[in-house]
Protein backbone atom coordinates (compact mmCIF):
# COMPACT_ATOMS: atom_id res chain seq x y z
CA MET A 1 -13.84 -30.37 -7.18
CA THR A 2 -11.58 -27.36 -8.78
CA ASP A 3 -9.41 -25.26 -7.06
CA PRO A 4 -10.54 -21.97 -6.43
CA ALA A 5 -10.11 -18.93 -8.10
CA PRO A 6 -7.57 -16.51 -6.71
CA LEU A 7 -8.69 -13.47 -5.15
CA PRO A 8 -9.59 -10.50 -7.53
CA LEU A 9 -6.36 -7.99 -7.53
CA VAL A 10 -7.60 -4.32 -6.93
CA GLN A 11 -4.22 -2.65 -6.61
CA SER A 12 -0.63 -3.08 -6.78
CA GLY A 13 1.24 -0.11 -4.99
CA LYS A 14 5.10 0.41 -5.14
CA VAL A 15 5.72 -2.26 -1.70
CA ARG A 16 1.99 -3.82 -1.49
CA GLU A 17 -0.85 -5.44 -2.92
CA LEU A 18 -4.29 -5.37 -2.27
CA TYR A 19 -7.16 -7.72 -2.93
CA ASP A 20 -11.09 -8.33 -3.00
CA ALA A 21 -11.89 -10.60 -0.66
CA GLY A 22 -15.57 -10.08 -0.88
CA ASP A 23 -18.22 -9.48 1.69
CA GLY A 24 -16.72 -5.58 1.84
CA ARG A 25 -13.23 -6.67 2.76
CA LEU A 26 -9.85 -6.63 1.29
CA LEU A 27 -6.96 -8.56 1.77
CA MET A 28 -3.44 -6.28 2.17
CA VAL A 29 -0.05 -7.88 1.47
CA ALA A 30 3.05 -6.30 2.29
CA SER A 31 5.81 -7.17 0.11
CA ASP A 32 9.70 -6.87 1.05
CA ARG A 33 9.86 -4.36 -1.79
CA ILE A 34 11.24 -0.94 -0.54
CA SER A 35 10.89 2.35 -2.02
CA ALA A 36 13.48 5.43 -1.51
CA PHE A 37 13.13 9.06 -2.82
CA ASP A 38 9.95 7.61 -4.88
CA VAL A 39 12.11 4.82 -6.55
CA VAL A 40 11.32 1.34 -6.00
CA MET A 41 14.63 -0.83 -5.39
CA ALA A 42 15.14 -3.86 -7.65
CA GLU A 43 16.42 -5.40 -4.60
CA THR A 44 13.97 -6.91 -1.90
CA ILE A 45 14.37 -6.09 2.10
CA PRO A 46 14.23 -9.66 4.12
CA HIS A 47 11.30 -9.47 6.68
CA LYS A 48 9.89 -6.09 5.77
CA GLY A 49 6.26 -7.15 5.25
CA ARG A 50 6.04 -9.30 8.38
CA VAL A 51 7.36 -6.16 10.10
CA LEU A 52 5.16 -4.08 8.86
CA THR A 53 1.79 -6.20 9.34
CA ALA A 54 3.67 -7.60 13.12
CA MET A 55 3.79 -3.55 14.29
CA THR A 56 0.43 -2.83 12.85
CA ALA A 57 -1.19 -5.47 14.74
CA TYR A 58 0.43 -4.67 17.58
CA TRP A 59 -0.58 -1.45 17.66
CA LEU A 60 -4.53 -2.27 16.69
CA GLU A 61 -4.06 -4.54 19.56
CA GLU A 62 -2.66 -1.39 22.26
CA LEU A 63 -5.00 1.54 20.87
CA ALA A 64 -8.32 -1.05 20.36
CA ASP A 65 -10.43 0.73 23.65
CA LEU A 66 -9.42 4.26 22.26
CA VAL A 67 -10.31 4.12 18.47
CA PRO A 68 -12.12 1.29 15.86
CA ASN A 69 -10.13 0.09 13.31
CA HIS A 70 -10.38 -2.05 10.30
CA LEU A 71 -8.44 -5.47 10.99
CA VAL A 72 -10.41 -8.83 10.63
CA ALA A 73 -7.62 -11.64 10.79
CA VAL A 74 -4.17 -11.49 10.35
CA ASP A 75 -3.98 -15.78 10.32
CA VAL A 76 -3.94 -17.17 6.70
CA ALA A 77 -6.08 -19.72 8.45
CA ASP A 78 -8.68 -17.14 8.71
CA PHE A 79 -8.64 -15.64 5.03
CA PRO A 80 -11.24 -16.72 2.23
CA GLU A 81 -10.31 -19.51 0.42
CA GLY A 82 -9.29 -17.41 -2.68
CA ALA A 83 -6.29 -16.54 -0.53
CA ALA A 84 -3.87 -19.64 -0.86
CA ALA A 85 -4.61 -19.18 -4.68
CA LEU A 86 -2.19 -16.00 -4.86
CA PRO A 87 1.13 -15.62 -6.19
CA GLY A 88 3.46 -17.79 -3.46
CA GLY A 89 0.30 -19.38 -1.59
CA ALA A 90 -0.20 -19.62 2.09
CA ASP A 91 3.62 -19.67 2.87
CA TYR A 92 4.45 -15.80 1.25
CA LEU A 93 1.07 -14.62 2.79
CA ALA A 94 1.59 -15.79 6.06
CA GLY A 95 2.73 -12.86 8.56
CA ARG A 96 2.46 -10.22 5.72
CA SER A 97 -0.87 -9.99 5.29
CA MET A 98 -4.11 -8.55 6.64
CA LEU A 99 -7.65 -9.21 6.01
CA VAL A 100 -9.62 -6.15 6.78
CA ARG A 101 -12.59 -4.46 6.52
CA ARG A 102 -13.44 -1.49 3.78
CA ALA A 103 -13.55 1.93 4.71
CA GLU A 104 -14.32 4.98 3.26
CA MET A 105 -10.80 6.77 3.58
CA LEU A 106 -10.34 10.20 4.36
CA PRO A 107 -8.59 12.45 1.56
CA ILE A 108 -6.00 13.81 4.06
CA GLU A 109 -2.93 12.28 5.70
CA CYS A 110 -3.63 12.50 9.54
CA ILE A 111 0.19 13.32 10.73
CA VAL A 112 0.93 13.70 14.58
CA ARG A 113 4.37 15.71 15.75
CA GLY A 114 5.78 14.93 18.89
CA TYR A 115 9.18 16.30 17.75
CA LEU A 116 10.64 18.89 16.06
CA ALA A 117 11.94 17.62 12.43
CA GLY A 118 11.75 16.73 8.79
CA SER A 119 9.57 18.91 6.88
CA ALA A 120 8.24 20.60 10.08
CA TYR A 121 11.60 21.60 11.25
CA LYS A 122 12.56 23.13 7.58
CA GLU A 123 9.01 25.08 7.57
CA TYR A 124 10.15 26.18 11.17
CA LEU A 125 13.49 27.48 10.16
CA ALA A 126 12.07 29.46 7.71
CA GLN A 127 8.74 30.74 9.12
CA GLY A 128 8.74 30.25 12.59
CA THR A 129 5.83 27.86 12.20
CA VAL A 130 4.82 24.34 11.81
CA HIS A 131 1.98 23.51 9.40
CA GLY A 132 0.94 27.38 9.78
CA MET A 133 0.94 27.22 13.49
CA ALA A 134 2.76 29.26 15.93
CA VAL A 135 5.15 27.34 18.32
CA PRO A 136 7.94 28.65 20.47
CA ALA A 137 11.00 30.55 19.35
CA GLY A 138 14.54 29.10 19.93
CA LEU A 139 13.43 25.32 19.57
CA ARG A 140 16.41 22.97 17.92
CA HIS A 141 16.26 20.15 15.75
CA ALA A 142 14.70 16.62 17.51
CA GLU A 143 13.69 19.04 20.04
CA ARG A 144 10.67 18.08 21.80
CA LEU A 145 7.45 20.41 20.79
CA PRO A 146 5.48 21.60 23.95
CA GLU A 147 2.03 19.61 23.27
CA PRO A 148 1.96 16.73 20.26
CA MET A 149 0.43 18.85 17.27
CA PHE A 150 -1.92 17.62 14.58
CA THR A 151 -0.27 18.20 11.32
CA PRO A 152 -2.79 17.17 8.45
CA SER A 153 -1.01 16.75 4.77
CA THR A 154 -2.87 16.36 1.29
CA LYS A 155 -3.01 12.71 -0.05
CA ALA A 156 -0.98 12.98 -3.91
CA THR A 157 -1.69 10.80 -6.17
CA GLU A 158 1.39 11.73 -8.19
CA GLY A 159 4.56 13.33 -6.59
CA HIS A 160 4.69 14.21 -2.72
CA ASP A 161 2.34 15.13 -0.20
CA GLU A 162 1.81 18.78 0.79
CA ASN A 163 1.48 19.86 4.39
CA ILE A 164 -1.60 21.73 4.97
CA SER A 165 -3.18 23.70 7.99
CA GLN A 166 -6.04 22.35 10.06
CA ALA A 167 -8.38 24.70 8.57
CA GLN A 168 -7.31 23.43 5.25
CA ALA A 169 -8.15 20.07 6.67
CA ALA A 170 -11.60 21.02 7.65
CA ASP A 171 -12.21 22.29 4.23
CA LEU A 172 -11.44 18.72 2.45
CA VAL A 173 -13.31 16.65 5.37
CA GLY A 174 -15.44 19.19 7.11
CA THR A 175 -15.07 20.75 10.48
CA GLU A 176 -16.28 18.01 12.52
CA VAL A 177 -14.50 15.00 10.68
CA ALA A 178 -11.22 16.83 11.04
CA ALA A 179 -11.73 17.73 14.96
CA LYS A 180 -12.50 13.94 15.37
CA ALA A 181 -9.79 12.78 13.39
CA ALA A 182 -7.28 15.34 15.28
CA GLU A 183 -8.81 13.74 18.69
CA ILE A 184 -8.51 10.14 17.47
CA CYS A 185 -4.76 10.91 15.96
CA LEU A 186 -3.52 12.97 19.09
CA ALA A 187 -4.92 10.39 21.75
CA ALA A 188 -3.29 6.92 19.80
CA TYR A 189 -0.04 9.11 19.48
CA GLN A 190 0.04 9.87 22.88
CA ARG A 191 -0.77 6.44 24.02
CA ALA A 192 2.06 4.51 21.79
CA ALA A 193 4.64 7.53 22.57
CA ALA A 194 4.54 6.45 26.31
CA ARG A 195 4.24 2.71 25.45
CA ALA A 196 7.28 3.12 23.28
CA GLU A 197 9.35 5.37 25.92
CA GLU A 198 8.74 2.46 28.23
CA HIS A 199 11.08 0.41 25.60
CA GLY A 200 13.82 3.11 25.47
CA ILE A 201 12.13 4.36 21.72
CA VAL A 202 11.27 7.88 20.72
CA ILE A 203 8.56 8.59 18.38
CA CYS A 204 9.25 11.76 16.85
CA ASP A 205 5.95 11.57 14.26
CA THR A 206 3.90 9.20 13.04
CA LYS A 207 1.26 9.27 9.85
CA PHE A 208 -2.18 7.89 10.32
CA GLU A 209 -4.51 6.97 8.11
CA LEU A 210 -8.51 6.93 9.13
CA GLY A 211 -11.72 6.11 7.24
CA PHE A 212 -15.49 5.90 7.95
CA ILE A 213 -16.32 1.86 8.70
CA ASP A 214 -20.01 1.57 9.46
CA GLY A 215 -20.53 5.44 10.09
CA GLU A 216 -17.55 5.31 12.80
CA LEU A 217 -13.97 7.04 11.92
CA SER A 218 -11.68 3.77 12.03
CA LEU A 219 -8.00 3.29 12.05
CA CYS A 220 -6.92 1.95 8.57
CA ASP A 221 -4.04 0.84 7.10
CA GLU A 222 -0.11 0.50 8.24
CA VAL A 223 0.05 1.54 12.02
CA LEU A 224 2.97 3.33 13.88
CA THR A 225 5.66 1.51 11.54
CA PRO A 226 9.10 2.44 10.59
CA ASP A 227 7.47 3.51 7.08
CA SER A 228 4.99 5.56 8.46
CA SER A 229 7.00 6.79 11.39
CA ARG A 230 10.28 7.93 12.84
CA PHE A 231 11.51 5.72 15.65
CA TRP A 232 14.44 7.24 17.43
CA PRO A 233 16.79 5.40 20.65
CA ALA A 234 16.04 7.69 23.22
CA GLU A 235 19.47 7.71 24.35
CA ASN A 236 20.47 9.33 21.04
CA CYS A 237 17.88 11.86 21.20
CA ALA A 238 18.96 14.99 21.87
CA PRO A 239 17.87 18.49 20.82
CA GLY A 240 19.95 19.80 18.47
CA THR A 241 21.03 16.37 16.81
CA ASN A 242 20.03 14.15 13.78
CA PRO A 243 18.88 11.12 15.72
CA PRO A 244 19.22 7.66 14.03
CA SER A 245 16.24 6.14 12.95
CA TYR A 246 14.89 2.48 12.91
CA ASP A 247 13.76 2.31 8.93
CA LYS A 248 15.10 2.75 5.64
CA GLN A 249 18.21 5.51 6.94
CA PRO A 250 20.95 3.06 5.85
CA LEU A 251 19.57 2.63 2.40
CA ARG A 252 18.48 6.25 2.26
CA ASP A 253 22.12 7.10 3.64
CA TRP A 254 23.67 5.13 0.60
CA LEU A 255 21.78 6.58 -2.09
CA GLU A 256 22.46 9.95 -1.45
CA ALA A 257 26.14 9.41 -1.58
CA GLN A 258 25.75 7.72 -5.43
CA PRO A 259 26.07 9.70 -8.53
CA TRP A 260 22.24 9.08 -9.06
CA ASP A 261 19.83 11.58 -10.00
CA LYS A 262 16.58 10.28 -8.26
CA GLN A 263 15.34 8.64 -11.38
CA PRO A 264 14.61 5.04 -12.60
CA PRO A 265 16.79 2.74 -12.86
CA PRO A 266 17.91 2.82 -9.23
CA PRO A 267 21.57 1.69 -8.66
CA ALA A 268 22.07 -1.86 -7.40
CA LEU A 269 22.15 -2.54 -3.43
CA PRO A 270 25.15 -3.84 -2.05
CA ASP A 271 24.43 -6.80 0.21
CA ASP A 272 25.41 -5.14 3.48
CA ILE A 273 23.09 -2.33 2.84
CA VAL A 274 20.03 -4.49 2.27
CA ALA A 275 21.52 -6.47 5.50
CA ALA A 276 21.82 -3.17 7.71
CA THR A 277 18.31 -2.39 6.31
CA SER A 278 16.41 -5.52 6.94
CA GLU A 279 18.01 -5.25 10.69
CA ARG A 280 16.28 -2.11 11.17
CA TYR A 281 13.24 -3.30 10.80
CA VAL A 282 13.52 -6.13 12.62
CA ALA A 283 15.05 -4.77 15.41
CA SER A 284 12.20 -1.59 15.18
CA TYR A 285 9.59 -3.99 15.98
CA GLU A 286 11.44 -6.42 18.52
CA LEU A 287 12.57 -2.91 20.57
CA VAL A 288 8.86 -1.00 20.09
CA SER A 289 7.04 -4.29 20.73
CA GLY A 290 9.10 -5.99 23.33
CA ARG A 291 8.42 -9.16 21.23
CA ARG A 292 10.27 -11.20 18.47
CA LEU A 293 9.46 -11.11 14.96
CA ALA A 294 10.72 -14.96 15.41
CA ASP A 295 7.65 -15.69 16.92
CA TRP A 296 5.08 -13.99 14.39
CA TYR A 297 3.52 -15.87 11.68
CA GLY A 298 5.48 -16.93 8.59
CA ALA A 299 8.63 -17.51 10.67
């Protein structure tokens, strides 16, 4: 009897692979690759793929009563036969892979902001608005917004996503779909932010991906991970400050200090920067979820 053929590759991105798992399903595999300034580093970050997958699974469980999602299984034992024939086999896939249902994805990024930071803060300084919407005057960086805001952006196939207004989002996906996306994302953010605050973590902002599965708007892709969200320690989150993030901040800070033009190839990462970045990712999962990464698949 011959071994099953490996699942067909659908897409290989900067930090993950997507395979056709048959029956309207995909296998999403999060690697330990890391990108910064749109450039993939030569070095990998230990545990990163497992953290992103574990975090997504945790939040999909927490939000399951609010919104449907694409997740089918995270245990390699439940994957189709051809999965084990992929590079690295079952040992590599364990903990970093999700079997999911295919979705018809919305062509917008669904961002929710609870605090003023990033591109929203830059716009606020320049124009006094956030994604074209009026907000109170006199707000400082890292200040909590009066209410969480749904602030969509485009999905750029090349270059950077562009912030758009809710009216522009409605032009892209339709008024009803845009309104439903905002409702889902705001509810999910508020639930998640309250859960995270119980563990001393502030979720500044996050990017959701939504798609239609069997006619229902559903949560897809990564959910509330360090790659799609800004997690701040509550004790260091004061208006007017720049709180440290549980993400790739050590890597970005180091790269900013190098004589590098942010074009490939990137500089080689020192071991201590790789280790510090890995520790941030692991800490984000353990602090936010209250669980140990050592208890997740693939440990």
